[in-house]
Amino acid sequence: MQTIAKKLLSAGAIAFGALGLSSPAMAVRVGVDVVVPVPVPVYSPPVIVAPPPPVYAAPPPRVYVAAAPVVVIGWHANRYWDGHRYWGRDEYYRFHGHGHYYGRY
């Protein structure tokens, strides 16, 4: 039990001494600063980069579609087109007849 009493007594003496020293410290204006170092982030300097060149999309290529030639059934110069083949004038009259053949057999 004496050890607890000794501990309380010594704690009280320390507290009383601290209160006793605080008045003269205020008179002389003695200050104690406790500084806790705070980590300061270190930033690298900004890097200035030229903007990338603008991107242009090429227009789609033009596609020219040639229309199929239109051939009308009938006479074309000295030939006859029946939708499948050309006939020469003599050949046509010989094959089709119609009494228009004036050539020789």
N, C-alpha and C. Protein backbone atom coordinates (compact mmCIF):
# COMPACT_ATOMS: atom_id res chain seq x y z
N MET A 1 0.80 -1.18 0.00
CA MET A 1 0.00 0.00 0.00
C MET A 1 0.85 1.25 0.00
N GLN A 2 1.96 1.12 0.54
CA GLN A 2 2.85 2.27 0.57
C GLN A 2 3.32 2.64 -0.83
N THR A 3 3.42 1.66 -1.67
CA THR A 3 3.89 1.97 -3.02
C THR A 3 2.86 2.79 -3.78
N ILE A 4 1.56 2.51 -3.56
CA ILE A 4 0.52 3.29 -4.23
C ILE A 4 0.52 4.70 -3.68
N ALA A 5 0.71 4.84 -2.42
CA ALA A 5 0.74 6.16 -1.80
C ALA A 5 1.93 6.94 -2.29
N LYS A 6 3.05 6.29 -2.46
CA LYS A 6 4.24 6.97 -2.95
C LYS A 6 4.02 7.44 -4.39
N LYS A 7 3.35 6.60 -5.15
CA LYS A 7 3.10 6.96 -6.55
C LYS A 7 2.15 8.15 -6.63
N LEU A 8 1.11 8.15 -5.80
CA LEU A 8 0.17 9.27 -5.80
C LEU A 8 0.84 10.55 -5.33
N LEU A 9 1.67 10.41 -4.35
CA LEU A 9 2.37 11.57 -3.82
C LEU A 9 3.31 12.16 -4.86
N SER A 10 4.03 11.30 -5.56
CA SER A 10 4.97 11.80 -6.56
C SER A 10 4.20 12.42 -7.75
N ALA A 11 3.05 11.83 -8.11
CA ALA A 11 2.25 12.41 -9.19
C ALA A 11 1.70 13.76 -8.78
N GLY A 12 1.26 13.90 -7.57
CA GLY A 12 0.77 15.19 -7.09
C GLY A 12 1.87 16.23 -7.06
N ALA A 13 3.08 15.83 -6.66
CA ALA A 13 4.20 16.77 -6.62
C ALA A 13 4.54 17.25 -8.01
N ILE A 14 4.49 16.38 -8.95
CA ILE A 14 4.79 16.77 -10.34
C ILE A 14 3.72 17.72 -10.85
N ALA A 15 2.46 17.44 -10.56
CA ALA A 15 1.38 18.30 -11.02
C ALA A 15 1.48 19.66 -10.34
N PHE A 16 1.77 19.70 -9.05
CA PHE A 16 1.89 20.96 -8.33
C PHE A 16 3.08 21.76 -8.85
N GLY A 17 4.16 21.04 -9.18
CA GLY A 17 5.34 21.73 -9.71
C GLY A 17 5.06 22.32 -11.09
N ALA A 18 4.29 21.59 -11.86
CA ALA A 18 3.96 22.10 -13.19
C ALA A 18 3.09 23.34 -13.07
N LEU A 19 2.13 23.35 -12.14
CA LEU A 19 1.31 24.53 -11.93
C LEU A 19 2.13 25.68 -11.39
N GLY A 20 3.09 25.37 -10.58
CA GLY A 20 3.94 26.42 -10.01
C GLY A 20 4.85 27.03 -11.05
N LEU A 21 5.25 26.27 -12.00
CA LEU A 21 6.17 26.79 -13.03
C LEU A 21 5.42 27.49 -14.17
N SER A 22 4.13 27.29 -14.23
CA SER A 22 3.41 27.88 -15.34
C SER A 22 3.28 29.38 -15.18
N SER A 23 3.13 29.89 -13.99
CA SER A 23 3.00 31.34 -13.80
C SER A 23 4.27 32.08 -14.19
N PRO A 24 5.45 31.68 -13.71
CA PRO A 24 6.65 32.39 -14.15
C PRO A 24 6.88 32.24 -15.66
N ALA A 25 6.47 31.10 -16.22
CA ALA A 25 6.65 30.92 -17.66
C ALA A 25 5.77 31.89 -18.43
N MET A 26 4.57 32.18 -17.94
CA MET A 26 3.70 33.14 -18.60
C MET A 26 4.23 34.55 -18.46
N ALA A 27 4.89 34.84 -17.32
CA ALA A 27 5.44 36.18 -17.10
C ALA A 27 6.59 36.43 -18.06
N VAL A 28 7.37 35.46 -18.30
CA VAL A 28 8.53 35.63 -19.19
C VAL A 28 8.14 35.34 -20.63
N ARG A 29 6.99 34.83 -20.80
CA ARG A 29 6.46 34.45 -22.10
C ARG A 29 7.33 33.39 -22.77
N VAL A 30 7.51 32.37 -22.07
CA VAL A 30 8.25 31.24 -22.61
C VAL A 30 7.22 30.31 -23.24
N GLY A 31 7.47 29.92 -24.46
CA GLY A 31 6.54 29.05 -25.16
C GLY A 31 7.23 27.78 -25.62
N VAL A 32 6.49 26.75 -25.58
CA VAL A 32 7.00 25.48 -26.07
C VAL A 32 6.09 25.05 -27.22
N ASP A 33 6.70 24.92 -28.37
CA ASP A 33 5.94 24.50 -29.55
C ASP A 33 6.27 23.04 -29.86
N VAL A 34 5.22 22.33 -30.08
CA VAL A 34 5.40 20.94 -30.49
C VAL A 34 5.04 20.89 -31.98
N VAL A 35 6.02 20.53 -32.78
CA VAL A 35 5.82 20.50 -34.23
C VAL A 35 5.81 19.05 -34.68
N VAL A 36 4.73 18.70 -35.32
CA VAL A 36 4.62 17.36 -35.89
C VAL A 36 4.86 17.51 -37.39
N PRO A 37 5.91 16.89 -37.90
CA PRO A 37 6.17 17.05 -39.34
C PRO A 37 5.08 16.37 -40.17
N VAL A 38 4.57 17.12 -41.12
CA VAL A 38 3.55 16.61 -42.02
C VAL A 38 4.22 16.37 -43.37
N PRO A 39 4.03 15.20 -43.94
CA PRO A 39 4.67 14.97 -45.24
C PRO A 39 4.07 15.89 -46.31
N VAL A 40 4.95 16.55 -47.00
CA VAL A 40 4.54 17.49 -48.04
C VAL A 40 4.67 16.77 -49.39
N PRO A 41 3.60 16.71 -50.13
CA PRO A 41 3.72 16.04 -51.44
C PRO A 41 4.63 16.83 -52.37
N VAL A 42 5.46 16.12 -53.05
CA VAL A 42 6.38 16.75 -53.99
C VAL A 42 5.84 16.49 -55.39
N TYR A 43 5.47 17.55 -56.07
CA TYR A 43 4.94 17.44 -57.41
C TYR A 43 6.02 17.77 -58.41
N SER A 44 6.05 17.01 -59.49
CA SER A 44 6.99 17.33 -60.55
C SER A 44 6.46 18.53 -61.32
N PRO A 45 7.33 19.29 -61.92
CA PRO A 45 6.86 20.46 -62.66
C PRO A 45 5.99 20.02 -63.84
N PRO A 46 5.04 20.83 -64.23
CA PRO A 46 4.17 20.44 -65.34
C PRO A 46 4.95 20.34 -66.65
N VAL A 47 4.60 19.35 -67.42
CA VAL A 47 5.24 19.14 -68.72
C VAL A 47 4.27 19.63 -69.79
N ILE A 48 4.72 20.54 -70.61
CA ILE A 48 3.88 21.10 -71.66
C ILE A 48 4.21 20.36 -72.96
N VAL A 49 3.20 19.74 -73.51
CA VAL A 49 3.36 18.95 -74.74
C VAL A 49 2.48 19.57 -75.81
N ALA A 50 3.00 19.61 -77.02
CA ALA A 50 2.21 20.15 -78.13
C ALA A 50 1.00 19.25 -78.37
N PRO A 51 -0.15 19.83 -78.71
CA PRO A 51 -1.33 19.00 -78.95
C PRO A 51 -1.11 18.14 -80.20
N PRO A 52 -1.71 16.96 -80.24
CA PRO A 52 -1.54 16.11 -81.42
C PRO A 52 -2.20 16.76 -82.63
N PRO A 53 -1.69 16.44 -83.81
CA PRO A 53 -2.30 17.03 -85.01
C PRO A 53 -3.74 16.55 -85.16
N PRO A 54 -4.59 17.39 -85.74
CA PRO A 54 -5.99 16.97 -85.90
C PRO A 54 -6.09 15.78 -86.86
N VAL A 55 -7.06 14.96 -86.60
CA VAL A 55 -7.26 13.76 -87.42
C VAL A 55 -8.39 14.05 -88.41
N TYR A 56 -8.08 13.88 -89.67
CA TYR A 56 -9.08 14.08 -90.70
C TYR A 56 -9.41 12.72 -91.31
N ALA A 57 -10.68 12.43 -91.39
CA ALA A 57 -11.10 11.18 -92.02
C ALA A 57 -11.30 11.45 -93.51
N ALA A 58 -10.68 10.60 -94.30
CA ALA A 58 -10.82 10.76 -95.75
C ALA A 58 -12.24 10.42 -96.16
N PRO A 59 -12.79 11.17 -97.08
CA PRO A 59 -14.14 10.83 -97.53
C PRO A 59 -14.13 9.48 -98.24
N PRO A 60 -15.23 8.79 -98.23
CA PRO A 60 -15.25 7.48 -98.89
C PRO A 60 -14.99 7.66 -100.39
N PRO A 61 -14.34 6.69 -100.99
CA PRO A 61 -14.04 6.83 -102.43
C PRO A 61 -15.33 6.83 -103.25
N ARG A 62 -15.28 7.58 -104.30
CA ARG A 62 -16.45 7.64 -105.17
C ARG A 62 -16.48 6.41 -106.04
N VAL A 63 -17.62 5.82 -106.12
CA VAL A 63 -17.77 4.61 -106.93
C VAL A 63 -18.70 4.96 -108.08
N TYR A 64 -18.17 4.81 -109.25
CA TYR A 64 -18.97 5.08 -110.44
C TYR A 64 -19.42 3.73 -111.00
N VAL A 65 -20.69 3.56 -111.07
CA VAL A 65 -21.24 2.32 -111.60
C VAL A 65 -21.72 2.61 -113.01
N ALA A 66 -21.09 1.93 -113.91
CA ALA A 66 -21.49 2.12 -115.31
C ALA A 66 -22.76 1.32 -115.55
N ALA A 67 -23.72 1.99 -116.10
CA ALA A 67 -24.98 1.30 -116.39
C ALA A 67 -24.75 0.32 -117.54
N ALA A 68 -25.45 -0.77 -117.48
CA ALA A 68 -25.33 -1.75 -118.55
C ALA A 68 -25.81 -1.13 -119.85
N PRO A 69 -25.12 -1.39 -120.92
CA PRO A 69 -25.56 -0.80 -122.18
C PRO A 69 -26.94 -1.33 -122.56
N VAL A 70 -27.75 -0.44 -123.01
CA VAL A 70 -29.10 -0.82 -123.39
C VAL A 70 -29.12 -1.03 -124.90
N VAL A 71 -29.41 -2.24 -125.29
CA VAL A 71 -29.48 -2.55 -126.71
C VAL A 71 -30.93 -2.89 -127.02
N VAL A 72 -31.49 -2.16 -127.92
CA VAL A 72 -32.89 -2.33 -128.27
C VAL A 72 -33.00 -3.42 -129.33
N ILE A 73 -34.02 -4.26 -129.19
CA ILE A 73 -34.24 -5.30 -130.19
C ILE A 73 -34.65 -4.64 -131.50
N GLY A 74 -33.97 -5.03 -132.56
CA GLY A 74 -34.28 -4.45 -133.86
C GLY A 74 -33.02 -4.27 -134.68
N TRP A 75 -33.14 -3.49 -135.72
CA TRP A 75 -32.03 -3.28 -136.64
C TRP A 75 -31.06 -2.25 -136.08
N HIS A 76 -29.78 -2.56 -136.18
CA HIS A 76 -28.69 -1.67 -135.79
C HIS A 76 -27.71 -1.67 -136.94
N ALA A 77 -27.73 -0.57 -137.67
CA ALA A 77 -26.91 -0.45 -138.87
C ALA A 77 -27.26 -1.59 -139.82
N ASN A 78 -26.33 -2.52 -140.05
CA ASN A 78 -26.58 -3.59 -141.03
C ASN A 78 -26.83 -4.92 -140.33
N ARG A 79 -27.14 -4.91 -139.04
CA ARG A 79 -27.35 -6.15 -138.28
C ARG A 79 -28.66 -6.06 -137.52
N TYR A 80 -29.23 -7.23 -137.20
CA TYR A 80 -30.48 -7.31 -136.46
C TYR A 80 -30.21 -8.00 -135.13
N TRP A 81 -30.63 -7.39 -134.04
CA TRP A 81 -30.47 -7.96 -132.70
C TRP A 81 -31.82 -8.51 -132.27
N ASP A 82 -31.87 -9.83 -131.97
CA ASP A 82 -33.13 -10.43 -131.56
C ASP A 82 -33.19 -10.67 -130.05
N GLY A 83 -32.26 -10.16 -129.31
CA GLY A 83 -32.22 -10.33 -127.86
C GLY A 83 -31.22 -11.39 -127.45
N HIS A 84 -30.76 -12.20 -128.39
CA HIS A 84 -29.79 -13.25 -128.07
C HIS A 84 -28.52 -13.11 -128.89
N ARG A 85 -28.66 -12.74 -130.16
CA ARG A 85 -27.49 -12.63 -131.03
C ARG A 85 -27.78 -11.66 -132.15
N TYR A 86 -26.71 -11.26 -132.81
CA TYR A 86 -26.85 -10.40 -133.98
C TYR A 86 -26.95 -11.27 -135.23
N TRP A 87 -27.80 -10.82 -136.11
CA TRP A 87 -27.94 -11.49 -137.40
C TRP A 87 -27.50 -10.50 -138.47
N GLY A 88 -26.77 -11.02 -139.45
CA GLY A 88 -26.50 -10.20 -140.61
C GLY A 88 -27.78 -10.06 -141.42
N ARG A 89 -27.88 -9.03 -142.30
CA ARG A 89 -29.10 -8.80 -143.05
C ARG A 89 -29.46 -9.99 -143.93
N ASP A 90 -28.51 -10.50 -144.66
CA ASP A 90 -28.79 -11.65 -145.53
C ASP A 90 -29.12 -12.88 -144.69
N GLU A 91 -28.37 -13.08 -143.63
CA GLU A 91 -28.59 -14.24 -142.77
C GLU A 91 -29.98 -14.19 -142.15
N TYR A 92 -30.39 -13.02 -141.71
CA TYR A 92 -31.69 -12.86 -141.07
C TYR A 92 -32.82 -13.19 -142.05
N TYR A 93 -32.73 -12.62 -143.24
CA TYR A 93 -33.80 -12.86 -144.22
C TYR A 93 -33.81 -14.32 -144.68
N ARG A 94 -32.65 -14.93 -144.76
CA ARG A 94 -32.60 -16.32 -145.16
C ARG A 94 -33.24 -17.20 -144.09
N PHE A 95 -32.98 -16.92 -142.78
CA PHE A 95 -33.49 -17.75 -141.71
C PHE A 95 -34.96 -17.47 -141.41
N HIS A 96 -35.30 -16.18 -141.39
CA HIS A 96 -36.67 -15.82 -141.02
C HIS A 96 -37.63 -15.78 -142.21
N GLY A 97 -37.10 -15.59 -143.35
CA GLY A 97 -37.94 -15.61 -144.52
C GLY A 97 -38.76 -14.35 -144.66
N HIS A 98 -40.03 -14.47 -144.49
CA HIS A 98 -40.98 -13.37 -144.63
C HIS A 98 -41.03 -12.83 -146.04
N GLY A 99 -40.45 -13.54 -146.97
CA GLY A 99 -40.51 -13.11 -148.34
C GLY A 99 -39.66 -11.89 -148.66
N HIS A 100 -38.69 -11.59 -147.79
CA HIS A 100 -37.87 -10.40 -148.01
C HIS A 100 -36.49 -10.74 -148.54
N TYR A 101 -36.23 -12.01 -148.79
CA TYR A 101 -34.88 -12.36 -149.21
C TYR A 101 -34.75 -12.13 -150.71
N TYR A 102 -33.79 -11.33 -151.05
CA TYR A 102 -33.58 -11.04 -152.46
C TYR A 102 -32.25 -11.60 -152.94
N GLY A 103 -31.51 -12.23 -152.01
CA GLY A 103 -30.21 -12.77 -152.40
C GLY A 103 -30.37 -14.13 -153.08
N ARG A 104 -29.29 -14.73 -153.44
CA ARG A 104 -29.37 -16.03 -154.09
C ARG A 104 -29.15 -17.14 -153.07
N TYR A 105 -29.67 -18.34 -153.39
CA TYR A 105 -29.49 -19.48 -152.49
C TYR A 105 -28.23 -20.18 -152.85
